[in-house]
Amino acid sequence: MSTAKVVSGVAAGLAIGTVLGILFAPDKGSETRNKIIDKKNNLVDKAKSKYNNLESSLKNQFQNVKENVKEEATDLAEKATATVEKRNIY
């Protein structure tokens, strides 16, 4: 059995156990529903935060690559110009 299957099986078991534990807890139904809603909201907030962090990181990386490409293009153009001028002198 592959590691991915074991990990996904364990994760699924934990999720099912958590849901069953909440559903069979001795709290009132309204309290249980509120707990579930709170957990969902926390998970959504965490997912949004991770997405925003990833988006910001990718934007920064893209900007860095863009700047590097501009610098390399400028350097290459200068070298090409210098080579053409050098050949025209002789």
N, C-alpha and C. Protein backbone atom coordinates (compact mmCIF):
# COMPACT_ATOMS: atom_id res chain seq x y z
N MET A 1 0.84 -1.17 0.00
CA MET A 1 0.00 0.00 0.00
C MET A 1 0.89 1.24 0.00
N SER A 2 0.52 2.22 -0.81
CA SER A 2 1.35 3.41 -0.93
C SER A 2 1.16 4.34 0.26
N THR A 3 2.16 5.15 0.48
CA THR A 3 2.13 6.10 1.59
C THR A 3 0.97 7.07 1.44
N ALA A 4 0.70 7.51 0.20
CA ALA A 4 -0.39 8.46 -0.04
C ALA A 4 -1.73 7.86 0.38
N LYS A 5 -1.94 6.57 0.11
CA LYS A 5 -3.19 5.94 0.49
C LYS A 5 -3.31 5.84 2.01
N VAL A 6 -2.21 5.55 2.67
CA VAL A 6 -2.23 5.45 4.13
C VAL A 6 -2.53 6.81 4.74
N VAL A 7 -1.85 7.84 4.24
CA VAL A 7 -2.07 9.20 4.76
C VAL A 7 -3.50 9.64 4.52
N SER A 8 -4.02 9.41 3.32
CA SER A 8 -5.39 9.83 3.03
C SER A 8 -6.39 9.03 3.86
N GLY A 9 -6.10 7.75 4.12
CA GLY A 9 -6.96 6.93 4.97
C GLY A 9 -6.99 7.43 6.40
N VAL A 10 -5.82 7.78 6.91
CA VAL A 10 -5.74 8.32 8.27
C VAL A 10 -6.47 9.65 8.36
N ALA A 11 -6.27 10.52 7.37
CA ALA A 11 -6.95 11.82 7.37
C ALA A 11 -8.46 11.65 7.31
N ALA A 12 -8.93 10.73 6.48
CA ALA A 12 -10.37 10.48 6.38
C ALA A 12 -10.90 9.93 7.70
N GLY A 13 -10.16 9.04 8.33
CA GLY A 13 -10.56 8.49 9.61
C GLY A 13 -10.65 9.56 10.69
N LEU A 14 -9.68 10.46 10.70
CA LEU A 14 -9.70 11.56 11.67
C LEU A 14 -10.90 12.46 11.44
N ALA A 15 -11.17 12.77 10.18
CA ALA A 15 -12.31 13.63 9.86
C ALA A 15 -13.63 12.98 10.27
N ILE A 16 -13.78 11.73 9.95
CA ILE A 16 -15.01 11.01 10.30
C ILE A 16 -15.15 10.91 11.82
N GLY A 17 -14.06 10.62 12.49
CA GLY A 17 -14.08 10.54 13.95
C GLY A 17 -14.45 11.86 14.59
N THR A 18 -13.92 12.94 14.04
CA THR A 18 -14.23 14.27 14.57
C THR A 18 -15.71 14.58 14.40
N VAL A 19 -16.23 14.33 13.21
CA VAL A 19 -17.65 14.60 12.95
C VAL A 19 -18.53 13.75 13.85
N LEU A 20 -18.21 12.47 13.98
CA LEU A 20 -19.02 11.60 14.84
C LEU A 20 -18.93 12.03 16.30
N GLY A 21 -17.74 12.44 16.72
CA GLY A 21 -17.58 12.89 18.09
C GLY A 21 -18.42 14.12 18.38
N ILE A 22 -18.46 15.03 17.42
CA ILE A 22 -19.27 16.24 17.60
C ILE A 22 -20.76 15.89 17.59
N LEU A 23 -21.15 15.04 16.67
CA LEU A 23 -22.57 14.70 16.54
C LEU A 23 -23.10 13.94 17.75
N PHE A 24 -22.28 13.11 18.36
CA PHE A 24 -22.73 12.30 19.49
C PHE A 24 -22.33 12.89 20.83
N ALA A 25 -21.85 14.11 20.83
CA ALA A 25 -21.49 14.77 22.08
C ALA A 25 -22.76 15.09 22.86
N PRO A 26 -22.65 15.23 24.16
CA PRO A 26 -23.85 15.46 24.98
C PRO A 26 -24.39 16.89 24.92
N ASP A 27 -23.92 17.71 23.98
CA ASP A 27 -24.41 19.08 23.86
C ASP A 27 -25.78 19.10 23.19
N LYS A 28 -26.46 20.23 23.36
CA LYS A 28 -27.73 20.43 22.68
C LYS A 28 -27.46 20.54 21.18
N GLY A 29 -28.47 20.26 20.38
CA GLY A 29 -28.33 20.31 18.93
C GLY A 29 -27.89 21.68 18.42
N SER A 30 -28.44 22.74 19.00
CA SER A 30 -28.08 24.08 18.56
C SER A 30 -26.61 24.37 18.86
N GLU A 31 -26.14 23.90 20.01
CA GLU A 31 -24.72 24.09 20.35
C GLU A 31 -23.82 23.32 19.40
N THR A 32 -24.24 22.10 19.07
CA THR A 32 -23.45 21.28 18.14
C THR A 32 -23.40 21.93 16.77
N ARG A 33 -24.54 22.44 16.31
CA ARG A 33 -24.57 23.12 15.01
C ARG A 33 -23.67 24.36 15.03
N ASN A 34 -23.71 25.10 16.11
CA ASN A 34 -22.84 26.28 16.23
C ASN A 34 -21.37 25.89 16.21
N LYS A 35 -21.04 24.78 16.87
CA LYS A 35 -19.64 24.30 16.85
C LYS A 35 -19.21 23.94 15.44
N ILE A 36 -20.10 23.25 14.73
CA ILE A 36 -19.79 22.85 13.36
C ILE A 36 -19.61 24.09 12.48
N ILE A 37 -20.49 25.06 12.64
CA ILE A 37 -20.40 26.30 11.85
C ILE A 37 -19.11 27.03 12.18
N ASP A 38 -18.76 27.09 13.47
CA ASP A 38 -17.51 27.75 13.87
C ASP A 38 -16.29 27.06 13.26
N LYS A 39 -16.29 25.73 13.30
CA LYS A 39 -15.17 24.96 12.72
C LYS A 39 -15.07 25.24 11.22
N LYS A 40 -16.24 25.24 10.56
CA LYS A 40 -16.24 25.50 9.12
C LYS A 40 -15.69 26.89 8.83
N ASN A 41 -16.15 27.88 9.61
CA ASN A 41 -15.68 29.25 9.40
C ASN A 41 -14.17 29.36 9.64
N ASN A 42 -13.67 28.67 10.66
CA ASN A 42 -12.22 28.67 10.92
C ASN A 42 -11.46 28.06 9.76
N LEU A 43 -11.97 26.94 9.22
CA LEU A 43 -11.31 26.30 8.09
C LEU A 43 -11.33 27.20 6.85
N VAL A 44 -12.45 27.87 6.62
CA VAL A 44 -12.55 28.78 5.47
C VAL A 44 -11.57 29.94 5.63
N ASP A 45 -11.50 30.49 6.85
CA ASP A 45 -10.57 31.60 7.10
C ASP A 45 -9.12 31.16 6.88
N LYS A 46 -8.78 29.97 7.37
CA LYS A 46 -7.42 29.46 7.17
C LYS A 46 -7.12 29.25 5.69
N ALA A 47 -8.09 28.71 4.96
CA ALA A 47 -7.89 28.48 3.53
C ALA A 47 -7.71 29.81 2.79
N LYS A 48 -8.51 30.81 3.15
CA LYS A 48 -8.38 32.13 2.52
C LYS A 48 -7.02 32.74 2.82
N SER A 49 -6.59 32.60 4.06
CA SER A 49 -5.29 33.14 4.46
C SER A 49 -4.16 32.48 3.68
N LYS A 50 -4.22 31.16 3.57
CA LYS A 50 -3.19 30.44 2.82
C LYS A 50 -3.21 30.84 1.35
N TYR A 51 -4.41 31.00 0.79
CA TYR A 51 -4.53 31.42 -0.61
C TYR A 51 -3.92 32.80 -0.80
N ASN A 52 -4.26 33.72 0.11
CA ASN A 52 -3.73 35.08 0.00
C ASN A 52 -2.21 35.10 0.12
N ASN A 53 -1.68 34.30 1.04
CA ASN A 53 -0.22 34.22 1.19
C ASN A 53 0.43 33.66 -0.07
N LEU A 54 -0.18 32.62 -0.63
CA LEU A 54 0.34 32.02 -1.85
C LEU A 54 0.28 33.02 -3.00
N GLU A 55 -0.85 33.72 -3.11
CA GLU A 55 -1.01 34.72 -4.17
C GLU A 55 0.05 35.81 -4.05
N SER A 56 0.26 36.29 -2.85
CA SER A 56 1.26 37.34 -2.62
C SER A 56 2.66 36.85 -2.96
N SER A 57 2.96 35.64 -2.54
CA SER A 57 4.28 35.06 -2.82
C SER A 57 4.50 34.91 -4.33
N LEU A 58 3.49 34.43 -5.03
CA LEU A 58 3.61 34.25 -6.48
C LEU A 58 3.76 35.59 -7.19
N LYS A 59 3.03 36.61 -6.73
CA LYS A 59 3.16 37.94 -7.33
C LYS A 59 4.58 38.47 -7.13
N ASN A 60 5.13 38.28 -5.93
CA ASN A 60 6.49 38.74 -5.67
C ASN A 60 7.50 38.00 -6.54
N GLN A 61 7.33 36.70 -6.65
CA GLN A 61 8.25 35.91 -7.48
C GLN A 61 8.14 36.33 -8.94
N PHE A 62 6.92 36.55 -9.42
CA PHE A 62 6.73 36.98 -10.80
C PHE A 62 7.40 38.33 -11.04
N GLN A 63 7.24 39.25 -10.09
CA GLN A 63 7.86 40.58 -10.22
C GLN A 63 9.38 40.45 -10.27
N ASN A 64 9.94 39.58 -9.42
CA ASN A 64 11.39 39.37 -9.42
C ASN A 64 11.87 38.80 -10.76
N VAL A 65 11.15 37.83 -11.28
CA VAL A 65 11.52 37.24 -12.57
C VAL A 65 11.43 38.29 -13.67
N LYS A 66 10.39 39.09 -13.63
CA LYS A 66 10.19 40.14 -14.62
C LYS A 66 11.36 41.14 -14.59
N GLU A 67 11.76 41.55 -13.39
CA GLU A 67 12.89 42.47 -13.26
C GLU A 67 14.19 41.84 -13.75
N ASN A 68 14.40 40.57 -13.43
CA ASN A 68 15.60 39.87 -13.88
C ASN A 68 15.65 39.77 -15.40
N VAL A 69 14.51 39.50 -16.01
CA VAL A 69 14.46 39.39 -17.47
C VAL A 69 14.77 40.74 -18.10
N LYS A 70 14.23 41.82 -17.53
CA LYS A 70 14.52 43.16 -18.05
C LYS A 70 16.01 43.47 -17.95
N GLU A 71 16.61 43.15 -16.81
CA GLU A 71 18.04 43.39 -16.63
C GLU A 71 18.87 42.59 -17.62
N GLU A 72 18.51 41.32 -17.79
CA GLU A 72 19.24 40.47 -18.74
C GLU A 72 19.07 40.99 -20.16
N ALA A 73 17.88 41.43 -20.52
CA ALA A 73 17.64 41.95 -21.87
C ALA A 73 18.45 43.23 -22.09
N THR A 74 18.50 44.08 -21.08
CA THR A 74 19.29 45.31 -21.19
C THR A 74 20.77 44.98 -21.37
N ASP A 75 21.27 44.05 -20.55
CA ASP A 75 22.67 43.64 -20.66
C ASP A 75 22.97 43.06 -22.04
N LEU A 76 22.07 42.22 -22.52
CA LEU A 76 22.27 41.60 -23.83
C LEU A 76 22.24 42.65 -24.94
N ALA A 77 21.34 43.62 -24.84
CA ALA A 77 21.27 44.68 -25.84
C ALA A 77 22.54 45.51 -25.83
N GLU A 78 23.07 45.81 -24.64
CA GLU A 78 24.31 46.58 -24.54
C GLU A 78 25.48 45.81 -25.15
N LYS A 79 25.53 44.51 -24.87
CA LYS A 79 26.61 43.68 -25.43
C LYS A 79 26.50 43.61 -26.95
N ALA A 80 25.26 43.48 -27.44
CA ALA A 80 25.07 43.41 -28.89
C ALA A 80 25.47 44.72 -29.55
N THR A 81 25.09 45.83 -28.94
CA THR A 81 25.46 47.15 -29.46
C THR A 81 26.98 47.31 -29.46
N ALA A 82 27.63 46.92 -28.38
CA ALA A 82 29.08 47.03 -28.29
C ALA A 82 29.76 46.16 -29.35
N THR A 83 29.23 44.99 -29.59
CA THR A 83 29.81 44.10 -30.58
C THR A 83 29.65 44.70 -31.99
N VAL A 84 28.48 45.23 -32.29
CA VAL A 84 28.25 45.85 -33.59
C VAL A 84 29.17 47.04 -33.78
N GLU A 85 29.29 47.88 -32.77
CA GLU A 85 30.17 49.06 -32.87
C GLU A 85 31.62 48.63 -33.03
N LYS A 86 32.02 47.60 -32.34
CA LYS A 86 33.40 47.10 -32.43
C LYS A 86 33.68 46.60 -33.84
N ARG A 87 32.74 45.90 -34.43
CA ARG A 87 32.94 45.37 -35.78
C ARG A 87 32.93 46.48 -36.82
N ASN A 88 32.20 47.52 -36.60
CA ASN A 88 32.14 48.63 -37.54
C ASN A 88 33.43 49.45 -37.52
N ILE A 89 34.15 49.44 -36.39
CA ILE A 89 35.39 50.19 -36.26
C ILE A 89 36.46 49.57 -37.13
N TYR A 90 36.52 48.29 -37.19
CA TYR A 90 37.60 47.62 -37.92
C TYR A 90 37.29 47.61 -39.36
